[in-house]
Amino acid sequence: MTTSSERAGGSRTLLHPRGVLLVALAAFTALAGAALVGVLPADEAVRHTLIGFASPGVLKVMRVINAAGDWRLLLPGTILLFIVFPQARLRWWIWAVLMIGAATGPDFMKWVIGRPRPEGTALGFPSGHATGAAAYFGALIYLAGALLPPTKTLVRVGAVIMIGLVAVARVMLRAHWPSDALGGIAFGLALAAAAALVAAAPRRA
């Protein structure tokens, strides 16, 4: 997602917040519709494959990565965004609302969709951890536009990798179906893109 300083060419890049919002909303809508029907055909196969890689050592790493979608880490992480990025401090309420929405939105959607997790009776779609990670690192991707190369690129690539790893961790830790995690990514990125669009809008005098 581009910053306001990149908007001149933003319409030609996949990172433009408007494009990300549209794609993420379309993906979330499709996944939510499928989740209303039940478990997706590929869910079982993908889950089985990922769990097959979950050796004790891998699970230890996944538990650490899983914390990147936990609010005990995302809260101080959000404060860190305010410290590092002046544009985040300038309109701090946008990012605060983003993270609050990412924290509360999945619970509401779980109630609407009503699909159980693969193990147990708790509701699973969308994954709250994946939503939180996608919202936070999606915001970081946008805010990193103020950094100079190659730092900007490294931060953005690292953020994308973390979103994917948190989603994989949720499946490997047997907490969610793969489509739960993908739905969380789509939901979180949609929220982050919406926040980026609001942040990029000119302020009233």
N, C-alpha and C. Protein backbone atom coordinates (compact mmCIF):
# COMPACT_ATOMS: atom_id res chain seq x y z
N MET A 1 0.84 -1.20 0.00
CA MET A 1 0.00 0.00 0.00
C MET A 1 0.88 1.24 0.00
N THR A 2 0.65 2.12 -0.90
CA THR A 2 1.49 3.29 -1.05
C THR A 2 1.13 4.39 -0.07
N THR A 3 2.08 5.25 0.19
CA THR A 3 1.82 6.43 0.99
C THR A 3 1.33 7.53 0.07
N SER A 4 0.93 8.67 0.69
CA SER A 4 0.45 9.79 -0.11
C SER A 4 1.53 10.32 -1.03
N SER A 5 2.79 10.15 -0.63
CA SER A 5 3.89 10.63 -1.47
C SER A 5 4.06 9.77 -2.71
N GLU A 6 3.45 8.57 -2.72
CA GLU A 6 3.59 7.68 -3.86
C GLU A 6 2.32 7.65 -4.71
N ARG A 7 1.34 8.47 -4.38
CA ARG A 7 0.05 8.36 -5.03
C ARG A 7 0.09 8.72 -6.51
N ALA A 8 1.10 9.49 -6.92
CA ALA A 8 1.14 9.88 -8.32
C ALA A 8 1.17 8.67 -9.24
N GLY A 9 1.90 7.64 -8.84
CA GLY A 9 1.93 6.43 -9.65
C GLY A 9 1.18 5.31 -8.99
N GLY A 10 0.43 5.63 -7.97
CA GLY A 10 -0.23 4.61 -7.17
C GLY A 10 -1.25 3.80 -7.94
N SER A 11 -1.94 4.44 -8.90
CA SER A 11 -2.97 3.73 -9.63
C SER A 11 -2.39 2.63 -10.50
N ARG A 12 -1.06 2.62 -10.68
CA ARG A 12 -0.43 1.63 -11.54
C ARG A 12 0.28 0.56 -10.73
N THR A 13 0.10 0.54 -9.44
CA THR A 13 0.77 -0.46 -8.62
C THR A 13 -0.23 -1.28 -7.84
N LEU A 14 0.10 -2.56 -7.64
CA LEU A 14 -0.78 -3.46 -6.87
C LEU A 14 -0.84 -3.07 -5.41
N LEU A 15 0.09 -2.21 -4.99
CA LEU A 15 0.12 -1.82 -3.58
C LEU A 15 -0.76 -0.61 -3.30
N HIS A 16 -1.46 -0.10 -4.28
CA HIS A 16 -2.34 1.04 -4.04
C HIS A 16 -3.45 0.61 -3.08
N PRO A 17 -3.71 1.38 -2.03
CA PRO A 17 -4.72 0.97 -1.04
C PRO A 17 -6.07 0.64 -1.63
N ARG A 18 -6.50 1.39 -2.64
CA ARG A 18 -7.82 1.12 -3.23
C ARG A 18 -7.86 -0.25 -3.89
N GLY A 19 -6.77 -0.59 -4.60
CA GLY A 19 -6.70 -1.90 -5.23
C GLY A 19 -6.65 -3.02 -4.21
N VAL A 20 -5.85 -2.82 -3.15
CA VAL A 20 -5.77 -3.82 -2.09
C VAL A 20 -7.13 -4.01 -1.42
N LEU A 21 -7.83 -2.92 -1.18
CA LEU A 21 -9.14 -3.00 -0.54
C LEU A 21 -10.12 -3.80 -1.38
N LEU A 22 -10.16 -3.52 -2.68
CA LEU A 22 -11.10 -4.22 -3.55
C LEU A 22 -10.79 -5.71 -3.64
N VAL A 23 -9.52 -6.04 -3.81
CA VAL A 23 -9.12 -7.45 -3.91
C VAL A 23 -9.37 -8.17 -2.60
N ALA A 24 -9.01 -7.53 -1.47
CA ALA A 24 -9.19 -8.16 -0.17
C ALA A 24 -10.66 -8.38 0.15
N LEU A 25 -11.50 -7.40 -0.17
CA LEU A 25 -12.93 -7.55 0.08
C LEU A 25 -13.52 -8.66 -0.77
N ALA A 26 -13.09 -8.74 -2.03
CA ALA A 26 -13.59 -9.80 -2.92
C ALA A 26 -13.17 -11.17 -2.39
N ALA A 27 -11.91 -11.28 -1.96
CA ALA A 27 -11.42 -12.56 -1.43
C ALA A 27 -12.16 -12.94 -0.15
N PHE A 28 -12.35 -11.96 0.73
CA PHE A 28 -13.03 -12.26 1.99
C PHE A 28 -14.48 -12.67 1.74
N THR A 29 -15.15 -11.97 0.84
CA THR A 29 -16.54 -12.30 0.53
C THR A 29 -16.66 -13.73 -0.01
N ALA A 30 -15.75 -14.09 -0.91
CA ALA A 30 -15.77 -15.44 -1.48
C ALA A 30 -15.50 -16.49 -0.41
N LEU A 31 -14.50 -16.25 0.42
CA LEU A 31 -14.16 -17.21 1.47
C LEU A 31 -15.26 -17.32 2.52
N ALA A 32 -15.86 -16.18 2.88
CA ALA A 32 -16.94 -16.20 3.86
C ALA A 32 -18.15 -16.95 3.32
N GLY A 33 -18.46 -16.74 2.04
CA GLY A 33 -19.57 -17.47 1.43
C GLY A 33 -19.33 -18.96 1.44
N ALA A 34 -18.10 -19.36 1.13
CA ALA A 34 -17.77 -20.79 1.15
C ALA A 34 -17.82 -21.34 2.57
N ALA A 35 -17.36 -20.53 3.55
CA ALA A 35 -17.36 -20.98 4.94
C ALA A 35 -18.78 -21.17 5.48
N LEU A 36 -19.71 -20.38 4.96
CA LEU A 36 -21.11 -20.55 5.36
C LEU A 36 -21.65 -21.92 4.96
N VAL A 37 -21.13 -22.44 3.86
CA VAL A 37 -21.58 -23.75 3.38
C VAL A 37 -20.92 -24.87 4.17
N GLY A 38 -19.65 -24.67 4.53
CA GLY A 38 -18.94 -25.70 5.29
C GLY A 38 -17.44 -25.58 5.07
N VAL A 39 -16.76 -26.73 5.15
CA VAL A 39 -15.32 -26.78 4.97
C VAL A 39 -15.01 -26.84 3.48
N LEU A 40 -14.05 -26.03 3.03
CA LEU A 40 -13.69 -26.01 1.63
C LEU A 40 -13.02 -27.33 1.23
N PRO A 41 -13.17 -27.76 -0.02
CA PRO A 41 -12.58 -29.03 -0.46
C PRO A 41 -11.08 -29.13 -0.19
N ALA A 42 -10.36 -28.02 -0.36
CA ALA A 42 -8.90 -28.05 -0.19
C ALA A 42 -8.47 -27.93 1.26
N ASP A 43 -9.37 -27.57 2.16
CA ASP A 43 -9.00 -27.35 3.56
C ASP A 43 -8.36 -28.57 4.19
N GLU A 44 -9.00 -29.71 4.03
CA GLU A 44 -8.49 -30.94 4.64
C GLU A 44 -7.10 -31.27 4.12
N ALA A 45 -6.92 -31.20 2.80
CA ALA A 45 -5.65 -31.57 2.20
C ALA A 45 -4.53 -30.63 2.61
N VAL A 46 -4.79 -29.32 2.56
CA VAL A 46 -3.77 -28.34 2.92
C VAL A 46 -3.43 -28.45 4.41
N ARG A 47 -4.45 -28.60 5.23
CA ARG A 47 -4.22 -28.74 6.68
C ARG A 47 -3.38 -29.97 6.96
N HIS A 48 -3.72 -31.09 6.34
CA HIS A 48 -2.98 -32.33 6.55
C HIS A 48 -1.52 -32.17 6.13
N THR A 49 -1.30 -31.50 5.01
CA THR A 49 0.07 -31.29 4.51
C THR A 49 0.89 -30.44 5.47
N LEU A 50 0.30 -29.32 5.93
CA LEU A 50 1.03 -28.42 6.84
C LEU A 50 1.32 -29.09 8.17
N ILE A 51 0.35 -29.80 8.70
CA ILE A 51 0.56 -30.48 9.98
C ILE A 51 1.64 -31.56 9.83
N GLY A 52 1.75 -32.11 8.62
CA GLY A 52 2.79 -33.11 8.37
C GLY A 52 4.19 -32.55 8.52
N PHE A 53 4.34 -31.25 8.33
CA PHE A 53 5.65 -30.59 8.50
C PHE A 53 5.88 -30.13 9.95
N ALA A 54 4.89 -30.33 10.80
CA ALA A 54 4.95 -29.76 12.16
C ALA A 54 5.72 -30.66 13.12
N SER A 55 7.02 -30.71 12.92
CA SER A 55 7.89 -31.43 13.86
C SER A 55 7.97 -30.63 15.17
N PRO A 56 8.45 -31.24 16.25
CA PRO A 56 8.57 -30.49 17.51
C PRO A 56 9.35 -29.19 17.36
N GLY A 57 10.43 -29.23 16.58
CA GLY A 57 11.22 -28.01 16.39
C GLY A 57 10.47 -26.95 15.62
N VAL A 58 9.76 -27.38 14.58
CA VAL A 58 8.97 -26.43 13.78
C VAL A 58 7.86 -25.83 14.62
N LEU A 59 7.22 -26.65 15.45
CA LEU A 59 6.14 -26.15 16.30
C LEU A 59 6.64 -25.10 17.29
N LYS A 60 7.86 -25.27 17.80
CA LYS A 60 8.42 -24.26 18.69
C LYS A 60 8.55 -22.92 17.98
N VAL A 61 9.02 -22.98 16.73
CA VAL A 61 9.16 -21.74 15.95
C VAL A 61 7.79 -21.15 15.66
N MET A 62 6.82 -22.01 15.32
CA MET A 62 5.48 -21.54 15.00
C MET A 62 4.81 -20.87 16.20
N ARG A 63 5.08 -21.38 17.39
CA ARG A 63 4.49 -20.75 18.59
C ARG A 63 5.05 -19.35 18.80
N VAL A 64 6.32 -19.15 18.47
CA VAL A 64 6.92 -17.81 18.56
C VAL A 64 6.30 -16.89 17.50
N ILE A 65 6.20 -17.39 16.27
CA ILE A 65 5.61 -16.60 15.19
C ILE A 65 4.15 -16.27 15.48
N ASN A 66 3.46 -17.21 16.10
CA ASN A 66 2.04 -17.03 16.42
C ASN A 66 1.80 -15.79 17.27
N ALA A 67 2.81 -15.43 18.07
CA ALA A 67 2.67 -14.25 18.94
C ALA A 67 2.52 -12.96 18.14
N ALA A 68 2.96 -12.98 16.87
CA ALA A 68 2.85 -11.78 16.04
C ALA A 68 1.40 -11.46 15.69
N GLY A 69 0.49 -12.37 15.98
CA GLY A 69 -0.93 -12.09 15.78
C GLY A 69 -1.69 -11.96 17.08
N ASP A 70 -0.94 -11.96 18.20
CA ASP A 70 -1.53 -11.88 19.53
C ASP A 70 -1.54 -10.43 20.00
N TRP A 71 -2.62 -10.02 20.65
CA TRP A 71 -2.77 -8.62 21.05
C TRP A 71 -1.79 -8.19 22.13
N ARG A 72 -1.22 -9.17 22.83
CA ARG A 72 -0.20 -8.82 23.82
C ARG A 72 1.08 -8.32 23.15
N LEU A 73 1.26 -8.66 21.89
CA LEU A 73 2.40 -8.14 21.13
C LEU A 73 1.98 -7.01 20.19
N LEU A 74 0.76 -7.11 19.64
CA LEU A 74 0.32 -6.09 18.69
C LEU A 74 0.09 -4.73 19.35
N LEU A 75 -0.32 -4.72 20.60
CA LEU A 75 -0.53 -3.44 21.29
C LEU A 75 0.77 -2.64 21.41
N PRO A 76 1.83 -3.22 22.00
CA PRO A 76 3.09 -2.46 22.01
C PRO A 76 3.64 -2.23 20.61
N GLY A 77 3.33 -3.15 19.67
CA GLY A 77 3.76 -2.95 18.30
C GLY A 77 3.12 -1.73 17.67
N THR A 78 1.85 -1.49 18.00
CA THR A 78 1.16 -0.30 17.49
C THR A 78 1.76 0.97 18.07
N ILE A 79 2.10 0.92 19.33
CA ILE A 79 2.77 2.08 19.95
C ILE A 79 4.10 2.34 19.27
N LEU A 80 4.79 1.26 18.88
CA LEU A 80 6.07 1.42 18.18
C LEU A 80 5.88 2.11 16.84
N LEU A 81 4.77 1.84 16.16
CA LEU A 81 4.49 2.54 14.90
C LEU A 81 4.41 4.05 15.13
N PHE A 82 3.77 4.44 16.24
CA PHE A 82 3.65 5.87 16.55
C PHE A 82 5.02 6.49 16.83
N ILE A 83 5.90 5.71 17.42
CA ILE A 83 7.24 6.22 17.75
C ILE A 83 8.09 6.38 16.49
N VAL A 84 8.01 5.40 15.60
CA VAL A 84 8.90 5.36 14.43
C VAL A 84 8.42 6.27 13.30
N PHE A 85 7.09 6.33 13.09
CA PHE A 85 6.56 7.03 11.92
C PHE A 85 5.80 8.30 12.31
N PRO A 86 6.33 9.47 11.96
CA PRO A 86 5.65 10.72 12.28
C PRO A 86 4.25 10.79 11.69
N GLN A 87 4.04 10.23 10.48
CA GLN A 87 2.72 10.30 9.86
C GLN A 87 1.70 9.46 10.62
N ALA A 88 2.18 8.45 11.34
CA ALA A 88 1.27 7.66 12.18
C ALA A 88 0.84 8.46 13.39
N ARG A 89 1.77 9.25 13.95
CA ARG A 89 1.42 10.10 15.10
C ARG A 89 0.49 11.22 14.68
N LEU A 90 0.68 11.73 13.46
CA LEU A 90 -0.10 12.88 12.99
C LEU A 90 -1.59 12.56 12.98
N ARG A 91 -1.94 11.35 12.58
CA ARG A 91 -3.35 10.94 12.55
C ARG A 91 -3.46 9.60 13.28
N TRP A 92 -3.07 9.63 14.53
CA TRP A 92 -2.94 8.42 15.33
C TRP A 92 -4.25 7.67 15.46
N TRP A 93 -5.36 8.39 15.46
CA TRP A 93 -6.65 7.76 15.70
C TRP A 93 -7.01 6.77 14.60
N ILE A 94 -6.53 6.99 13.37
CA ILE A 94 -6.82 6.08 12.27
C ILE A 94 -6.26 4.70 12.57
N TRP A 95 -5.01 4.67 13.03
CA TRP A 95 -4.35 3.39 13.28
C TRP A 95 -4.87 2.74 14.55
N ALA A 96 -5.26 3.57 15.52
CA ALA A 96 -5.86 3.01 16.73
C ALA A 96 -7.21 2.34 16.41
N VAL A 97 -8.02 3.02 15.60
CA VAL A 97 -9.31 2.44 15.19
C VAL A 97 -9.09 1.18 14.36
N LEU A 98 -8.07 1.19 13.50
CA LEU A 98 -7.75 0.01 12.70
C LEU A 98 -7.51 -1.21 13.59
N MET A 99 -6.67 -1.04 14.59
CA MET A 99 -6.31 -2.18 15.44
C MET A 99 -7.47 -2.61 16.32
N ILE A 100 -8.29 -1.66 16.75
CA ILE A 100 -9.48 -2.02 17.53
C ILE A 100 -10.45 -2.82 16.65
N GLY A 101 -10.62 -2.37 15.40
CA GLY A 101 -11.48 -3.09 14.48
C GLY A 101 -10.96 -4.48 14.18
N ALA A 102 -9.64 -4.60 14.06
CA ALA A 102 -9.05 -5.92 13.79
C ALA A 102 -9.17 -6.84 14.99
N ALA A 103 -9.29 -6.25 16.19
CA ALA A 103 -9.43 -7.06 17.40
C ALA A 103 -10.86 -7.53 17.61
N THR A 104 -11.82 -6.69 17.27
CA THR A 104 -13.23 -7.00 17.55
C THR A 104 -13.97 -7.58 16.35
N GLY A 105 -13.54 -7.20 15.14
CA GLY A 105 -14.24 -7.64 13.94
C GLY A 105 -14.32 -9.14 13.76
N PRO A 106 -13.21 -9.88 13.96
CA PRO A 106 -13.27 -11.33 13.77
C PRO A 106 -14.30 -12.03 14.66
N ASP A 107 -14.45 -11.58 15.90
CA ASP A 107 -15.43 -12.22 16.79
C ASP A 107 -16.84 -12.05 16.25
N PHE A 108 -17.14 -10.87 15.71
CA PHE A 108 -18.46 -10.64 15.13
C PHE A 108 -18.67 -11.53 13.91
N MET A 109 -17.65 -11.58 13.05
CA MET A 109 -17.77 -12.39 11.84
C MET A 109 -17.87 -13.88 12.17
N LYS A 110 -17.17 -14.32 13.20
CA LYS A 110 -17.29 -15.73 13.62
C LYS A 110 -18.72 -16.04 14.01
N TRP A 111 -19.35 -15.11 14.68
CA TRP A 111 -20.75 -15.31 15.10
C TRP A 111 -21.67 -15.36 13.88
N VAL A 112 -21.39 -14.50 12.88
CA VAL A 112 -22.21 -14.47 11.67
C VAL A 112 -22.03 -15.75 10.85
N ILE A 113 -20.77 -16.17 10.64
CA ILE A 113 -20.48 -17.33 9.80
C ILE A 113 -20.82 -18.63 10.53
N GLY A 114 -20.39 -18.72 11.77
CA GLY A 114 -20.75 -19.87 12.60
C GLY A 114 -20.09 -21.19 12.23
N ARG A 115 -18.91 -21.16 11.63
CA ARG A 115 -18.23 -22.42 11.29
C ARG A 115 -17.25 -22.82 12.38
N PRO A 116 -17.35 -24.03 12.90
CA PRO A 116 -16.44 -24.47 13.97
C PRO A 116 -15.01 -24.64 13.46
N ARG A 117 -14.08 -24.60 14.40
CA ARG A 117 -12.68 -24.89 14.09
C ARG A 117 -12.53 -26.38 13.79
N PRO A 118 -11.37 -26.78 13.24
CA PRO A 118 -11.19 -28.19 12.92
C PRO A 118 -11.19 -29.10 14.15
N GLU A 119 -10.77 -28.56 15.29
CA GLU A 119 -10.77 -29.34 16.53
C GLU A 119 -11.50 -28.54 17.60
N GLY A 120 -12.53 -29.13 18.19
CA GLY A 120 -13.32 -28.44 19.20
C GLY A 120 -14.55 -27.80 18.58
N THR A 121 -15.28 -27.08 19.42
CA THR A 121 -16.54 -26.48 18.98
C THR A 121 -16.47 -24.96 18.85
N ALA A 122 -15.34 -24.35 19.21
CA ALA A 122 -15.20 -22.90 19.09
C ALA A 122 -15.29 -22.50 17.62
N LEU A 123 -15.80 -21.30 17.36
CA LEU A 123 -15.95 -20.81 16.01
C LEU A 123 -14.62 -20.32 15.46
N GLY A 124 -14.42 -20.48 14.14
CA GLY A 124 -13.08 -20.23 13.62
C GLY A 124 -12.93 -19.26 12.48
N PHE A 125 -13.99 -18.92 11.73
CA PHE A 125 -13.81 -18.06 10.56
C PHE A 125 -14.26 -16.63 10.85
N PRO A 126 -13.36 -15.65 10.65
CA PRO A 126 -11.96 -15.74 10.24
C PRO A 126 -11.04 -15.85 11.45
N SER A 127 -9.80 -16.24 11.21
CA SER A 127 -8.81 -16.31 12.28
C SER A 127 -8.52 -14.92 12.82
N GLY A 128 -8.64 -14.77 14.14
CA GLY A 128 -8.34 -13.48 14.76
C GLY A 128 -6.87 -13.14 14.70
N HIS A 129 -6.02 -14.15 14.89
CA HIS A 129 -4.57 -13.91 14.82
C HIS A 129 -4.16 -13.46 13.42
N ALA A 130 -4.69 -14.14 12.40
CA ALA A 130 -4.34 -13.77 11.02
C ALA A 130 -4.88 -12.39 10.68
N THR A 131 -6.07 -12.06 11.19
CA THR A 131 -6.63 -10.73 10.96
C THR A 131 -5.75 -9.66 11.60
N GLY A 132 -5.38 -9.87 12.86
CA GLY A 132 -4.55 -8.90 13.56
C GLY A 132 -3.20 -8.70 12.90
N ALA A 133 -2.57 -9.81 12.49
CA ALA A 133 -1.27 -9.72 11.83
C ALA A 133 -1.38 -8.99 10.50
N ALA A 134 -2.42 -9.31 9.71
CA ALA A 134 -2.58 -8.67 8.41
C ALA A 134 -2.88 -7.18 8.56
N ALA A 135 -3.68 -6.82 9.56
CA ALA A 135 -3.99 -5.41 9.79
C ALA A 135 -2.75 -4.65 10.22
N TYR A 136 -2.01 -5.22 11.16
CA TYR A 136 -0.81 -4.53 11.67
C TYR A 136 0.27 -4.41 10.60
N PHE A 137 0.61 -5.54 9.99
CA PHE A 137 1.69 -5.51 9.00
C PHE A 137 1.23 -4.85 7.71
N GLY A 138 -0.07 -4.86 7.44
CA GLY A 138 -0.59 -4.08 6.31
C GLY A 138 -0.39 -2.59 6.56
N ALA A 139 -0.63 -2.15 7.79
CA ALA A 139 -0.38 -0.75 8.15
C ALA A 139 1.11 -0.43 8.03
N LEU A 140 1.95 -1.38 8.44
CA LEU A 140 3.39 -1.18 8.34
C LEU A 140 3.83 -1.05 6.89
N ILE A 141 3.24 -1.85 6.00
CA ILE A 141 3.56 -1.76 4.58
C ILE A 141 3.26 -0.36 4.05
N TYR A 142 2.13 0.19 4.46
CA TYR A 142 1.75 1.54 4.03
C TYR A 142 2.70 2.59 4.62
N LEU A 143 2.89 2.54 5.91
CA LEU A 143 3.72 3.54 6.59
C LEU A 143 5.17 3.47 6.16
N ALA A 144 5.64 2.29 5.76
CA ALA A 144 7.03 2.13 5.34
C ALA A 144 7.33 2.88 4.05
N GLY A 145 6.30 3.38 3.38
CA GLY A 145 6.52 4.19 2.19
C GLY A 145 7.33 5.44 2.47
N ALA A 146 7.38 5.84 3.74
CA ALA A 146 8.16 7.03 4.10
C ALA A 146 9.64 6.72 4.28
N LEU A 147 10.01 5.44 4.29
CA LEU A 147 11.41 5.05 4.48
C LEU A 147 12.16 5.11 3.16
N LEU A 148 13.48 5.17 3.25
CA LEU A 148 14.33 5.20 2.06
C LEU A 148 14.70 3.78 1.62
N PRO A 149 14.89 3.58 0.32
CA PRO A 149 15.38 2.27 -0.14
C PRO A 149 16.81 2.05 0.38
N PRO A 150 17.24 0.82 0.65
CA PRO A 150 16.47 -0.42 0.50
C PRO A 150 15.66 -0.77 1.75
N THR A 151 15.71 0.10 2.78
CA THR A 151 15.00 -0.19 4.03
C THR A 151 13.51 -0.37 3.77
N LYS A 152 12.94 0.49 2.93
CA LYS A 152 11.51 0.41 2.62
C LYS A 152 11.15 -0.96 2.07
N THR A 153 11.93 -1.44 1.11
CA THR A 153 11.65 -2.73 0.49
C THR A 153 11.81 -3.86 1.49
N LEU A 154 12.86 -3.81 2.29
CA LEU A 154 13.11 -4.87 3.27
C LEU A 154 11.98 -4.95 4.30
N VAL A 155 11.52 -3.78 4.75
CA VAL A 155 10.44 -3.76 5.73
C VAL A 155 9.16 -4.32 5.13
N ARG A 156 8.86 -3.93 3.90
CA ARG A 156 7.63 -4.40 3.26
C ARG A 156 7.68 -5.90 2.98
N VAL A 157 8.80 -6.39 2.51
CA VAL A 157 8.93 -7.83 2.26
C VAL A 157 8.81 -8.60 3.56
N GLY A 158 9.48 -8.10 4.60
CA GLY A 158 9.38 -8.75 5.91
C GLY A 158 7.96 -8.77 6.44
N ALA A 159 7.22 -7.69 6.20
CA ALA A 159 5.83 -7.63 6.66
C ALA A 159 4.97 -8.66 5.95
N VAL A 160 5.15 -8.79 4.63
CA VAL A 160 4.39 -9.79 3.87
C VAL A 160 4.70 -11.19 4.36
N ILE A 161 5.98 -11.45 4.60
CA ILE A 161 6.38 -12.77 5.09
C ILE A 161 5.74 -13.07 6.45
N MET A 162 5.71 -12.08 7.32
CA MET A 162 5.13 -12.29 8.65
C MET A 162 3.64 -12.59 8.57
N ILE A 163 2.93 -11.93 7.68
CA ILE A 163 1.49 -12.20 7.51
C ILE A 163 1.29 -13.66 7.12
N GLY A 164 2.08 -14.12 6.15
CA GLY A 164 1.97 -15.50 5.71
C GLY A 164 2.34 -16.50 6.78
N LEU A 165 3.40 -16.20 7.54
CA LEU A 165 3.86 -17.12 8.57
C LEU A 165 2.85 -17.25 9.71
N VAL A 166 2.22 -16.15 10.10
CA VAL A 166 1.21 -16.22 11.16
C VAL A 166 0.04 -17.10 10.70
N ALA A 167 -0.35 -16.96 9.44
CA ALA A 167 -1.44 -17.79 8.91
C ALA A 167 -1.06 -19.26 8.93
N VAL A 168 0.17 -19.58 8.52
CA VAL A 168 0.63 -20.96 8.53
C VAL A 168 0.70 -21.49 9.96
N ALA A 169 1.14 -20.65 10.89
CA ALA A 169 1.23 -21.06 12.29
C ALA A 169 -0.13 -21.44 12.85
N ARG A 170 -1.16 -20.70 12.49
CA ARG A 170 -2.50 -21.00 13.01
C ARG A 170 -2.98 -22.37 12.55
N VAL A 171 -2.59 -22.77 11.35
CA VAL A 171 -2.97 -24.09 10.85
C VAL A 171 -2.11 -25.17 11.48
N MET A 172 -0.81 -24.95 11.53
CA MET A 172 0.10 -25.95 12.10
C MET A 172 -0.18 -26.20 13.58
N LEU A 173 -0.63 -25.16 14.28
CA LEU A 173 -0.95 -25.30 15.70
C LEU A 173 -2.36 -25.87 15.92
N ARG A 174 -3.00 -26.30 14.84
CA ARG A 174 -4.30 -26.97 14.85
C ARG A 174 -5.44 -26.07 15.35
N ALA A 175 -5.25 -24.76 15.22
CA ALA A 175 -6.26 -23.83 15.71
C ALA A 175 -7.30 -23.49 14.65
N HIS A 176 -6.93 -23.61 13.35
CA HIS A 176 -7.83 -23.14 12.29
C HIS A 176 -7.71 -23.98 11.03
N TRP A 177 -8.77 -23.92 10.23
CA TRP A 177 -8.69 -24.39 8.86
C TRP A 177 -7.87 -23.39 8.05
N PRO A 178 -7.22 -23.84 6.97
CA PRO A 178 -6.49 -22.89 6.11
C PRO A 178 -7.36 -21.74 5.62
N SER A 179 -8.62 -22.02 5.29
CA SER A 179 -9.50 -20.94 4.81
C SER A 179 -9.83 -19.96 5.92
N ASP A 180 -9.80 -20.38 7.18
CA ASP A 180 -9.95 -19.45 8.31
C ASP A 180 -8.81 -18.43 8.29
N ALA A 181 -7.59 -18.96 8.09
CA ALA A 181 -6.41 -18.10 8.08
C ALA A 181 -6.42 -17.17 6.88
N LEU A 182 -6.79 -17.71 5.71
CA LEU A 182 -6.87 -16.86 4.52
C LEU A 182 -7.95 -15.79 4.66
N GLY A 183 -9.07 -16.17 5.26
CA GLY A 183 -10.12 -15.18 5.51
C GLY A 183 -9.64 -14.09 6.45
N GLY A 184 -8.86 -14.46 7.45
CA GLY A 184 -8.30 -13.47 8.36
C GLY A 184 -7.35 -12.52 7.66
N ILE A 185 -6.52 -13.07 6.77
CA ILE A 185 -5.61 -12.21 6.00
C ILE A 185 -6.40 -11.22 5.16
N ALA A 186 -7.41 -11.72 4.46
CA ALA A 186 -8.22 -10.84 3.60
C ALA A 186 -8.92 -9.77 4.43
N PHE A 187 -9.48 -10.16 5.56
CA PHE A 187 -10.19 -9.21 6.42
C PHE A 187 -9.23 -8.15 6.96
N GLY A 188 -8.08 -8.59 7.46
CA GLY A 188 -7.11 -7.66 8.01
C GLY A 188 -6.55 -6.70 6.98
N LEU A 189 -6.26 -7.21 5.78
CA LEU A 189 -5.74 -6.34 4.73
C LEU A 189 -6.79 -5.34 4.25
N ALA A 190 -8.06 -5.77 4.23
CA ALA A 190 -9.13 -4.84 3.87
C ALA A 190 -9.21 -3.70 4.88
N LEU A 191 -9.10 -4.03 6.15
CA LEU A 191 -9.12 -3.00 7.19
C LEU A 191 -7.92 -2.07 7.06
N ALA A 192 -6.74 -2.64 6.83
CA ALA A 192 -5.53 -1.82 6.71
C ALA A 192 -5.61 -0.92 5.49
N ALA A 193 -6.12 -1.44 4.37
CA ALA A 193 -6.24 -0.63 3.16
C ALA A 193 -7.24 0.51 3.36
N ALA A 194 -8.35 0.23 4.05
CA ALA A 194 -9.32 1.29 4.33
C ALA A 194 -8.69 2.37 5.20
N ALA A 195 -7.90 1.96 6.20
CA ALA A 195 -7.21 2.93 7.05
C ALA A 195 -6.22 3.75 6.24
N ALA A 196 -5.51 3.10 5.32
CA ALA A 196 -4.54 3.81 4.49
C ALA A 196 -5.22 4.84 3.59
N LEU A 197 -6.39 4.49 3.06
CA LEU A 197 -7.13 5.45 2.23
C LEU A 197 -7.55 6.67 3.03
N VAL A 198 -8.01 6.43 4.26
CA VAL A 198 -8.40 7.56 5.12
C VAL A 198 -7.18 8.41 5.46
N ALA A 199 -6.05 7.75 5.75
CA ALA A 199 -4.83 8.47 6.10
C ALA A 199 -4.30 9.29 4.92
N ALA A 200 -4.50 8.78 3.71
CA ALA A 200 -3.99 9.48 2.52
C ALA A 200 -4.87 10.63 2.08
N ALA A 201 -6.10 10.67 2.59
CA ALA A 201 -7.01 11.75 2.21
C ALA A 201 -6.53 13.08 2.76
N PRO A 202 -6.66 14.16 2.00
CA PRO A 202 -6.24 15.48 2.49
C PRO A 202 -7.01 15.88 3.74
N ARG A 203 -6.31 16.47 4.67
CA ARG A 203 -6.96 16.92 5.90
C ARG A 203 -7.68 18.25 5.66
N ARG A 204 -8.81 18.40 6.32
CA ARG A 204 -9.54 19.68 6.23
C ARG A 204 -8.81 20.74 7.04
N ALA A 205 -8.90 21.95 6.55
CA ALA A 205 -8.24 23.06 7.25
C ALA A 205 -8.91 23.29 8.59
